[in-house]
């Protein structure tokens, strides 16, 4: 993702009102700001299109995320018990040893490729090492912005409480 401006974050909420509030506050307002900036720089505004796709993607998978699902894995268990020692080493069935960090890294890249259509040709493909190098500089800036925002909220809340108490 050559045009990456910040670190992707995921907030999972069950309440639709909070979801829409967060969508407008964290996606729509910044998206409008960046769209205006893109227009000012004579670029095609893309950020709102991307946000819209991500919002509808989250609304689509929401049903599957927030409902209880029961699956039987009898076939998987029988396969595990039929494996010999060598095959058990090659095909690890232990989910505790699963590399979730790598899984989400691949997941985000696949969303960029197949959902957002970010890589339409090979020259737009951003190698993982270059992405990590870029994130090394973006992550501290992202954290500083997030903590500044949190501290501003605490400060404003404190001032409002003091004003009400007087």
N, C-alpha and C. Protein backbone atom coordinates (compact mmCIF):
# COMPACT_ATOMS: atom_id res chain seq x y z
N UNK A 1 0.84 -1.17 0.00
CA UNK A 1 0.00 0.00 0.00
C UNK A 1 0.88 1.24 0.00
N UNK A 2 1.19 1.70 -1.17
CA UNK A 2 2.08 2.84 -1.31
C UNK A 2 1.56 4.11 -0.65
N UNK A 3 0.26 4.30 -0.67
CA UNK A 3 -0.32 5.54 -0.17
C UNK A 3 -0.70 5.46 1.30
N UNK A 4 -0.18 4.51 2.05
CA UNK A 4 -0.53 4.35 3.45
C UNK A 4 -0.18 5.60 4.23
N UNK A 5 -1.18 6.11 4.95
CA UNK A 5 -0.99 7.32 5.75
C UNK A 5 -0.94 7.03 7.24
N UNK A 6 -1.56 5.93 7.67
CA UNK A 6 -1.54 5.59 9.08
C UNK A 6 -1.73 4.09 9.25
N UNK A 7 -1.60 3.66 10.50
CA UNK A 7 -1.69 2.25 10.83
C UNK A 7 -3.16 1.84 10.86
N UNK A 8 -3.54 0.73 10.23
CA UNK A 8 -4.94 0.30 10.30
C UNK A 8 -5.29 -0.18 11.71
N UNK A 9 -6.47 0.19 12.17
CA UNK A 9 -6.97 -0.21 13.49
C UNK A 9 -8.34 -0.85 13.33
N UNK A 10 -8.66 -1.76 14.23
CA UNK A 10 -9.97 -2.41 14.20
C UNK A 10 -10.62 -2.21 15.56
N UNK A 11 -11.85 -1.70 15.55
CA UNK A 11 -12.65 -1.57 16.77
C UNK A 11 -13.92 -2.38 16.54
N UNK A 12 -14.15 -3.36 17.40
CA UNK A 12 -15.32 -4.21 17.25
C UNK A 12 -16.37 -3.77 18.27
N UNK A 13 -17.54 -3.37 17.78
CA UNK A 13 -18.64 -2.96 18.66
C UNK A 13 -19.90 -3.71 18.25
N UNK A 14 -20.72 -4.01 19.23
CA UNK A 14 -21.97 -4.73 18.96
C UNK A 14 -23.14 -3.77 18.75
N UNK A 15 -23.08 -2.61 19.36
CA UNK A 15 -24.19 -1.66 19.31
C UNK A 15 -24.17 -0.88 18.00
N UNK A 16 -25.29 -0.88 17.28
CA UNK A 16 -25.36 -0.18 15.99
C UNK A 16 -25.19 1.32 16.13
N UNK A 17 -25.71 1.91 17.20
CA UNK A 17 -25.58 3.36 17.40
C UNK A 17 -24.12 3.75 17.58
N UNK A 18 -23.41 2.98 18.38
CA UNK A 18 -21.98 3.25 18.58
C UNK A 18 -21.22 3.03 17.28
N UNK A 19 -21.60 1.99 16.54
CA UNK A 19 -20.96 1.71 15.25
C UNK A 19 -21.11 2.89 14.30
N UNK A 20 -22.32 3.43 14.18
CA UNK A 20 -22.54 4.56 13.27
C UNK A 20 -21.83 5.81 13.78
N UNK A 21 -21.83 6.02 15.10
CA UNK A 21 -21.11 7.17 15.66
C UNK A 21 -19.62 7.07 15.33
N UNK A 22 -19.04 5.89 15.57
CA UNK A 22 -17.62 5.70 15.26
C UNK A 22 -17.34 5.82 13.77
N UNK A 23 -18.26 5.32 12.95
CA UNK A 23 -18.08 5.43 11.50
C UNK A 23 -18.01 6.90 11.08
N UNK A 24 -18.96 7.68 11.57
CA UNK A 24 -18.97 9.10 11.19
C UNK A 24 -17.78 9.84 11.78
N UNK A 25 -17.45 9.53 13.03
CA UNK A 25 -16.39 10.26 13.72
C UNK A 25 -14.99 9.86 13.24
N UNK A 26 -14.78 8.56 13.01
CA UNK A 26 -13.44 8.07 12.66
C UNK A 26 -13.22 7.85 11.17
N UNK A 27 -14.31 7.75 10.39
CA UNK A 27 -14.15 7.51 8.95
C UNK A 27 -14.66 8.66 8.11
N UNK A 28 -15.90 9.06 8.35
CA UNK A 28 -16.52 10.04 7.47
C UNK A 28 -15.85 11.42 7.57
N UNK A 29 -15.69 11.93 8.79
CA UNK A 29 -15.08 13.26 8.94
C UNK A 29 -13.63 13.29 8.45
N UNK A 30 -12.76 12.35 8.90
CA UNK A 30 -11.40 12.36 8.33
C UNK A 30 -11.40 12.10 6.83
N UNK A 31 -12.32 11.24 6.36
CA UNK A 31 -12.39 10.96 4.92
C UNK A 31 -12.73 12.19 4.12
N UNK A 32 -13.69 12.97 4.62
CA UNK A 32 -14.03 14.23 3.94
C UNK A 32 -12.85 15.19 3.92
N UNK A 33 -12.14 15.24 5.05
CA UNK A 33 -10.96 16.11 5.13
C UNK A 33 -9.91 15.68 4.10
N UNK A 34 -9.63 14.38 4.04
CA UNK A 34 -8.62 13.90 3.10
C UNK A 34 -9.10 14.00 1.65
N UNK A 35 -10.40 13.85 1.43
CA UNK A 35 -10.93 14.04 0.07
C UNK A 35 -10.74 15.48 -0.39
N UNK A 36 -10.99 16.42 0.52
CA UNK A 36 -10.75 17.83 0.19
C UNK A 36 -9.27 18.07 -0.09
N UNK A 37 -8.41 17.45 0.72
CA UNK A 37 -6.97 17.59 0.50
C UNK A 37 -6.57 16.99 -0.85
N UNK A 38 -7.15 15.84 -1.20
CA UNK A 38 -6.85 15.22 -2.49
C UNK A 38 -7.31 16.11 -3.64
N UNK A 39 -8.48 16.70 -3.50
CA UNK A 39 -8.96 17.61 -4.55
C UNK A 39 -8.06 18.85 -4.66
N UNK A 40 -7.63 19.35 -3.51
CA UNK A 40 -6.74 20.51 -3.50
C UNK A 40 -5.42 20.20 -4.21
N UNK A 41 -4.94 18.95 -4.06
CA UNK A 41 -3.69 18.53 -4.70
C UNK A 41 -3.91 17.99 -6.11
N UNK A 42 -5.12 18.21 -6.65
CA UNK A 42 -5.48 17.77 -8.01
C UNK A 42 -5.35 16.26 -8.19
N UNK A 43 -5.72 15.51 -7.16
CA UNK A 43 -5.74 14.06 -7.25
C UNK A 43 -7.18 13.58 -7.21
N UNK A 44 -7.39 12.39 -7.71
CA UNK A 44 -8.72 11.79 -7.68
C UNK A 44 -9.03 11.38 -6.24
N UNK A 45 -10.14 11.87 -5.66
CA UNK A 45 -10.48 11.50 -4.28
C UNK A 45 -10.86 10.02 -4.18
N UNK A 46 -10.09 9.26 -3.42
CA UNK A 46 -10.30 7.82 -3.30
C UNK A 46 -10.70 7.39 -1.90
N UNK A 47 -10.34 8.18 -0.89
CA UNK A 47 -10.47 7.72 0.49
C UNK A 47 -11.92 7.40 0.87
N UNK A 48 -12.88 8.21 0.42
CA UNK A 48 -14.28 7.96 0.78
C UNK A 48 -14.79 6.67 0.13
N UNK A 49 -14.33 6.38 -1.06
CA UNK A 49 -14.71 5.14 -1.73
C UNK A 49 -14.18 3.94 -0.95
N UNK A 50 -12.95 4.04 -0.48
CA UNK A 50 -12.35 2.96 0.32
C UNK A 50 -13.10 2.81 1.64
N UNK A 51 -13.38 3.92 2.33
CA UNK A 51 -14.11 3.86 3.60
C UNK A 51 -15.48 3.24 3.41
N UNK A 52 -16.16 3.59 2.34
CA UNK A 52 -17.49 3.04 2.08
C UNK A 52 -17.41 1.52 1.89
N UNK A 53 -16.42 1.06 1.14
CA UNK A 53 -16.26 -0.39 0.94
C UNK A 53 -15.97 -1.10 2.25
N UNK A 54 -15.10 -0.52 3.07
CA UNK A 54 -14.77 -1.15 4.35
C UNK A 54 -15.98 -1.16 5.28
N UNK A 55 -16.78 -0.10 5.27
CA UNK A 55 -17.96 -0.04 6.11
C UNK A 55 -18.95 -1.13 5.71
N UNK A 56 -19.20 -1.28 4.41
CA UNK A 56 -20.14 -2.31 3.96
C UNK A 56 -19.57 -3.71 4.18
N UNK A 57 -18.26 -3.86 4.08
CA UNK A 57 -17.64 -5.15 4.39
C UNK A 57 -17.86 -5.50 5.86
N UNK A 58 -17.65 -4.53 6.75
CA UNK A 58 -17.85 -4.79 8.18
C UNK A 58 -19.31 -5.07 8.49
N UNK A 59 -20.23 -4.37 7.81
CA UNK A 59 -21.66 -4.64 8.02
C UNK A 59 -22.02 -6.04 7.52
N UNK A 60 -21.36 -6.50 6.47
CA UNK A 60 -21.64 -7.83 5.92
C UNK A 60 -21.18 -8.94 6.86
N UNK A 61 -19.97 -8.83 7.38
CA UNK A 61 -19.44 -9.89 8.24
C UNK A 61 -19.94 -9.77 9.68
N UNK A 62 -20.58 -8.68 10.01
CA UNK A 62 -21.09 -8.43 11.36
C UNK A 62 -21.99 -9.56 11.86
N UNK A 63 -22.88 -10.05 11.02
CA UNK A 63 -23.80 -11.13 11.40
C UNK A 63 -23.02 -12.36 11.84
N UNK A 64 -21.95 -12.66 11.15
CA UNK A 64 -21.17 -13.85 11.46
C UNK A 64 -20.27 -13.63 12.67
N UNK A 65 -19.91 -12.39 12.94
CA UNK A 65 -19.05 -12.10 14.08
C UNK A 65 -19.80 -12.11 15.40
N UNK A 66 -21.04 -11.65 15.41
CA UNK A 66 -21.74 -11.44 16.66
C UNK A 66 -22.82 -12.47 16.97
N UNK A 67 -22.85 -13.55 16.24
CA UNK A 67 -23.76 -14.65 16.56
C UNK A 67 -22.93 -15.85 16.99
N UNK A 68 -23.53 -16.68 17.82
CA UNK A 68 -22.84 -17.89 18.27
C UNK A 68 -23.00 -18.98 17.22
N UNK A 69 -21.90 -19.64 16.95
CA UNK A 69 -21.89 -20.69 15.94
C UNK A 69 -21.31 -21.95 16.56
N UNK A 70 -21.94 -23.07 16.30
CA UNK A 70 -21.44 -24.37 16.78
C UNK A 70 -21.09 -25.23 15.58
N UNK A 71 -19.87 -25.70 15.60
CA UNK A 71 -19.40 -26.57 14.54
C UNK A 71 -18.84 -27.84 15.16
N UNK A 72 -19.03 -28.93 14.51
CA UNK A 72 -18.38 -30.16 14.96
C UNK A 72 -17.16 -30.37 14.09
N UNK A 73 -16.11 -30.80 14.73
CA UNK A 73 -14.87 -31.04 13.98
C UNK A 73 -14.47 -32.51 14.06
N UNK A 74 -15.46 -33.38 13.97
CA UNK A 74 -15.18 -34.82 14.06
C UNK A 74 -14.27 -35.29 12.92
N UNK A 75 -14.48 -34.77 11.73
CA UNK A 75 -13.62 -35.17 10.60
C UNK A 75 -12.18 -34.73 10.82
N UNK A 76 -12.01 -33.53 11.36
CA UNK A 76 -10.66 -33.03 11.63
C UNK A 76 -9.99 -33.87 12.71
N UNK A 77 -10.75 -34.20 13.76
CA UNK A 77 -10.20 -35.03 14.84
C UNK A 77 -9.80 -36.41 14.32
N UNK A 78 -10.66 -37.00 13.51
CA UNK A 78 -10.33 -38.34 12.98
C UNK A 78 -9.10 -38.27 12.07
N UNK A 79 -8.97 -37.19 11.31
CA UNK A 79 -7.78 -37.01 10.47
C UNK A 79 -6.53 -36.88 11.33
N UNK A 80 -6.63 -36.13 12.41
CA UNK A 80 -5.49 -35.94 13.31
C UNK A 80 -5.04 -37.27 13.91
N UNK A 81 -5.98 -38.08 14.33
CA UNK A 81 -5.63 -39.36 14.96
C UNK A 81 -5.07 -40.36 13.95
N UNK A 82 -5.39 -40.20 12.68
CA UNK A 82 -4.87 -41.12 11.66
C UNK A 82 -3.48 -40.73 11.16
N UNK A 83 -3.01 -39.53 11.49
CA UNK A 83 -1.69 -39.09 11.02
C UNK A 83 -0.58 -39.82 11.77
N UNK A 84 0.50 -40.14 11.06
CA UNK A 84 1.66 -40.71 11.74
C UNK A 84 2.48 -39.56 12.34
N UNK A 85 3.54 -39.90 13.07
CA UNK A 85 4.33 -38.89 13.80
C UNK A 85 4.96 -37.87 12.85
N UNK A 86 5.46 -38.32 11.72
CA UNK A 86 6.10 -37.41 10.75
C UNK A 86 5.09 -36.40 10.20
N UNK A 87 3.90 -36.89 9.84
CA UNK A 87 2.87 -36.00 9.31
C UNK A 87 2.37 -35.01 10.36
N UNK A 88 2.34 -35.44 11.62
CA UNK A 88 1.91 -34.52 12.69
C UNK A 88 2.89 -33.36 12.85
N UNK A 89 4.18 -33.63 12.59
CA UNK A 89 5.17 -32.55 12.64
C UNK A 89 4.95 -31.57 11.48
N UNK A 90 4.64 -32.10 10.31
CA UNK A 90 4.45 -31.26 9.13
C UNK A 90 3.16 -30.46 9.18
N UNK A 91 2.08 -31.07 9.66
CA UNK A 91 0.76 -30.44 9.70
C UNK A 91 0.35 -30.23 11.15
N UNK A 92 0.73 -29.08 11.69
CA UNK A 92 0.45 -28.78 13.10
C UNK A 92 -1.02 -28.41 13.28
N UNK A 93 -1.72 -29.17 14.10
CA UNK A 93 -3.14 -28.92 14.36
C UNK A 93 -3.34 -28.05 15.60
N UNK A 94 -2.28 -27.67 16.27
CA UNK A 94 -2.38 -26.92 17.52
C UNK A 94 -2.60 -25.44 17.22
N UNK A 95 -3.78 -24.92 17.55
CA UNK A 95 -4.09 -23.51 17.29
C UNK A 95 -3.33 -22.56 18.21
N UNK A 96 -2.82 -23.08 19.34
CA UNK A 96 -2.04 -22.23 20.25
C UNK A 96 -0.72 -21.81 19.60
N UNK A 97 -0.21 -22.63 18.69
CA UNK A 97 1.05 -22.29 18.03
C UNK A 97 0.84 -21.58 16.69
N UNK A 98 -0.41 -21.28 16.38
CA UNK A 98 -0.74 -20.61 15.12
C UNK A 98 -0.21 -19.18 15.14
N UNK A 99 0.38 -18.73 14.05
CA UNK A 99 0.95 -17.38 13.95
C UNK A 99 -0.14 -16.39 13.54
N UNK A 100 -0.82 -15.81 14.54
CA UNK A 100 -1.93 -14.90 14.26
C UNK A 100 -1.46 -13.59 13.66
N UNK A 101 -0.27 -13.14 14.03
CA UNK A 101 0.26 -11.89 13.48
C UNK A 101 0.43 -12.01 11.97
N UNK A 102 1.02 -13.10 11.54
CA UNK A 102 1.20 -13.32 10.10
C UNK A 102 -0.16 -13.49 9.42
N UNK A 103 -1.09 -14.17 10.09
CA UNK A 103 -2.43 -14.36 9.52
C UNK A 103 -3.09 -13.02 9.23
N UNK A 104 -3.06 -12.10 10.21
CA UNK A 104 -3.70 -10.80 10.00
C UNK A 104 -2.95 -9.95 8.98
N UNK A 105 -1.63 -10.11 8.93
CA UNK A 105 -0.86 -9.40 7.91
C UNK A 105 -1.30 -9.83 6.51
N UNK A 106 -1.45 -11.12 6.31
CA UNK A 106 -1.91 -11.65 5.02
C UNK A 106 -3.36 -11.24 4.78
N UNK A 107 -4.20 -11.28 5.82
CA UNK A 107 -5.61 -10.90 5.69
C UNK A 107 -5.75 -9.46 5.20
N UNK A 108 -5.01 -8.53 5.82
CA UNK A 108 -5.11 -7.12 5.41
C UNK A 108 -4.65 -6.92 3.98
N UNK A 109 -3.59 -7.63 3.58
CA UNK A 109 -3.11 -7.51 2.20
C UNK A 109 -4.13 -8.07 1.22
N UNK A 110 -4.79 -9.17 1.60
CA UNK A 110 -5.82 -9.76 0.71
C UNK A 110 -7.03 -8.85 0.61
N UNK A 111 -7.40 -8.20 1.70
CA UNK A 111 -8.50 -7.23 1.64
C UNK A 111 -8.13 -6.11 0.69
N UNK A 112 -6.88 -5.64 0.78
CA UNK A 112 -6.44 -4.57 -0.12
C UNK A 112 -6.49 -5.02 -1.58
N UNK A 113 -6.10 -6.26 -1.84
CA UNK A 113 -6.05 -6.74 -3.22
C UNK A 113 -7.43 -7.07 -3.76
N UNK A 114 -8.21 -7.84 -3.00
CA UNK A 114 -9.45 -8.40 -3.54
C UNK A 114 -10.70 -7.59 -3.23
N UNK A 115 -10.72 -6.86 -2.12
CA UNK A 115 -11.90 -6.07 -1.77
C UNK A 115 -11.74 -4.64 -2.26
N UNK A 116 -10.60 -4.03 -1.94
CA UNK A 116 -10.39 -2.63 -2.32
C UNK A 116 -9.82 -2.48 -3.72
N UNK A 117 -9.37 -3.58 -4.31
CA UNK A 117 -8.75 -3.55 -5.64
C UNK A 117 -7.59 -2.55 -5.69
N UNK A 118 -6.79 -2.56 -4.61
CA UNK A 118 -5.69 -1.60 -4.50
C UNK A 118 -4.55 -1.91 -5.46
N UNK A 119 -4.34 -3.19 -5.77
CA UNK A 119 -3.24 -3.56 -6.65
C UNK A 119 -3.82 -4.05 -7.97
N UNK A 120 -3.94 -3.16 -8.91
CA UNK A 120 -4.50 -3.56 -10.20
C UNK A 120 -3.43 -4.09 -11.14
N UNK A 121 -2.17 -3.76 -10.85
CA UNK A 121 -1.08 -4.32 -11.65
C UNK A 121 0.15 -4.52 -10.76
N UNK A 122 1.17 -5.17 -11.30
CA UNK A 122 2.35 -5.53 -10.51
C UNK A 122 3.12 -4.32 -10.00
N UNK A 123 3.14 -3.23 -10.75
CA UNK A 123 3.94 -2.08 -10.33
C UNK A 123 3.37 -1.40 -9.09
N UNK A 124 2.07 -1.58 -8.83
CA UNK A 124 1.47 -1.01 -7.63
C UNK A 124 1.67 -1.89 -6.40
N UNK A 125 2.15 -3.12 -6.60
CA UNK A 125 2.30 -4.03 -5.48
C UNK A 125 3.42 -3.54 -4.57
N UNK A 126 3.13 -3.49 -3.29
CA UNK A 126 4.07 -2.95 -2.31
C UNK A 126 4.66 -4.10 -1.52
N UNK A 127 5.94 -4.40 -1.68
CA UNK A 127 6.53 -5.53 -0.96
C UNK A 127 6.41 -5.36 0.56
N UNK A 128 6.29 -6.48 1.23
CA UNK A 128 6.06 -6.50 2.68
C UNK A 128 7.18 -5.77 3.43
N UNK A 129 8.42 -5.93 3.00
CA UNK A 129 9.55 -5.30 3.69
C UNK A 129 9.46 -3.77 3.60
N UNK A 130 9.07 -3.27 2.43
CA UNK A 130 8.95 -1.82 2.27
C UNK A 130 7.80 -1.29 3.12
N UNK A 131 6.71 -2.06 3.20
CA UNK A 131 5.57 -1.67 4.03
C UNK A 131 5.99 -1.61 5.50
N UNK A 132 6.75 -2.62 5.96
CA UNK A 132 7.21 -2.63 7.36
C UNK A 132 8.13 -1.44 7.63
N UNK A 133 9.01 -1.13 6.67
CA UNK A 133 9.92 -0.01 6.84
C UNK A 133 9.15 1.31 6.95
N UNK A 134 8.12 1.45 6.12
CA UNK A 134 7.31 2.66 6.16
C UNK A 134 6.52 2.74 7.47
N UNK A 135 6.01 1.61 7.93
CA UNK A 135 5.24 1.57 9.18
C UNK A 135 6.11 1.93 10.38
N UNK A 136 7.41 1.65 10.29
CA UNK A 136 8.31 1.97 11.39
C UNK A 136 8.30 3.48 11.67
N UNK A 137 8.08 4.28 10.64
CA UNK A 137 8.03 5.73 10.82
C UNK A 137 6.61 6.22 11.10
N UNK A 138 5.62 5.54 10.55
CA UNK A 138 4.23 5.98 10.70
C UNK A 138 3.67 5.62 12.07
N UNK A 139 4.05 4.45 12.63
CA UNK A 139 3.47 4.01 13.90
C UNK A 139 3.71 4.98 15.05
N UNK A 140 4.92 5.52 15.26
CA UNK A 140 5.09 6.49 16.36
C UNK A 140 4.25 7.76 16.17
N UNK A 141 4.12 8.20 14.94
CA UNK A 141 3.28 9.38 14.67
C UNK A 141 1.82 9.06 14.97
N UNK A 142 1.39 7.87 14.56
CA UNK A 142 0.02 7.43 14.83
C UNK A 142 -0.23 7.37 16.33
N UNK A 143 0.70 6.79 17.08
CA UNK A 143 0.54 6.70 18.54
C UNK A 143 0.50 8.09 19.17
N UNK A 144 1.34 8.99 18.71
CA UNK A 144 1.35 10.36 19.26
C UNK A 144 0.02 11.05 19.01
N UNK A 145 -0.53 10.89 17.83
CA UNK A 145 -1.83 11.50 17.52
C UNK A 145 -2.92 10.89 18.39
N UNK A 146 -2.92 9.57 18.53
CA UNK A 146 -3.94 8.91 19.35
C UNK A 146 -3.85 9.34 20.81
N UNK A 147 -2.64 9.41 21.36
CA UNK A 147 -2.50 9.81 22.77
C UNK A 147 -2.83 11.28 22.96
N UNK A 148 -2.49 12.12 22.00
CA UNK A 148 -2.86 13.54 22.08
C UNK A 148 -4.37 13.68 22.10
N UNK A 149 -5.05 12.94 21.25
CA UNK A 149 -6.51 12.97 21.21
C UNK A 149 -7.10 12.49 22.53
N UNK A 150 -6.56 11.41 23.08
CA UNK A 150 -7.06 10.89 24.36
C UNK A 150 -6.85 11.90 25.48
N UNK A 151 -5.67 12.49 25.53
CA UNK A 151 -5.39 13.49 26.57
C UNK A 151 -6.28 14.71 26.42
N UNK A 152 -6.55 15.11 25.18
CA UNK A 152 -7.46 16.25 24.96
C UNK A 152 -8.86 15.91 25.45
N UNK A 153 -9.32 14.68 25.21
CA UNK A 153 -10.63 14.26 25.71
C UNK A 153 -10.68 14.27 27.23
N UNK A 154 -9.64 13.77 27.87
CA UNK A 154 -9.58 13.78 29.34
C UNK A 154 -9.58 15.21 29.85
N UNK A 155 -8.80 16.07 29.23
CA UNK A 155 -8.73 17.47 29.65
C UNK A 155 -10.09 18.17 29.50
N UNK A 156 -10.74 17.97 28.35
CA UNK A 156 -12.05 18.58 28.13
C UNK A 156 -13.10 18.02 29.09
N UNK A 157 -13.06 16.72 29.33
CA UNK A 157 -14.00 16.11 30.27
C UNK A 157 -13.79 16.66 31.68
N UNK A 158 -12.53 16.79 32.08
CA UNK A 158 -12.22 17.33 33.41
C UNK A 158 -12.72 18.76 33.53
N UNK A 159 -12.48 19.58 32.51
CA UNK A 159 -12.95 20.97 32.55
C UNK A 159 -14.47 21.05 32.59
N UNK A 160 -15.14 20.18 31.85
CA UNK A 160 -16.61 20.18 31.88
C UNK A 160 -17.13 19.76 33.25
N UNK A 161 -16.50 18.77 33.86
CA UNK A 161 -16.92 18.34 35.19
C UNK A 161 -16.67 19.42 36.23
N UNK A 162 -15.55 20.11 36.11
CA UNK A 162 -15.25 21.21 37.05
C UNK A 162 -16.25 22.35 36.87
N UNK A 163 -16.64 22.63 35.64
CA UNK A 163 -17.60 23.71 35.38
C UNK A 163 -18.98 23.35 35.93
N UNK A 164 -19.35 22.08 35.84
CA UNK A 164 -20.65 21.63 36.36
C UNK A 164 -20.65 21.64 37.88
N UNK A 165 -19.51 21.29 38.49
CA UNK A 165 -19.42 21.22 39.95
C UNK A 165 -19.48 22.59 40.59
N UNK A 166 -19.10 23.63 39.88
CA UNK A 166 -19.08 24.99 40.46
C UNK A 166 -20.42 25.61 40.45
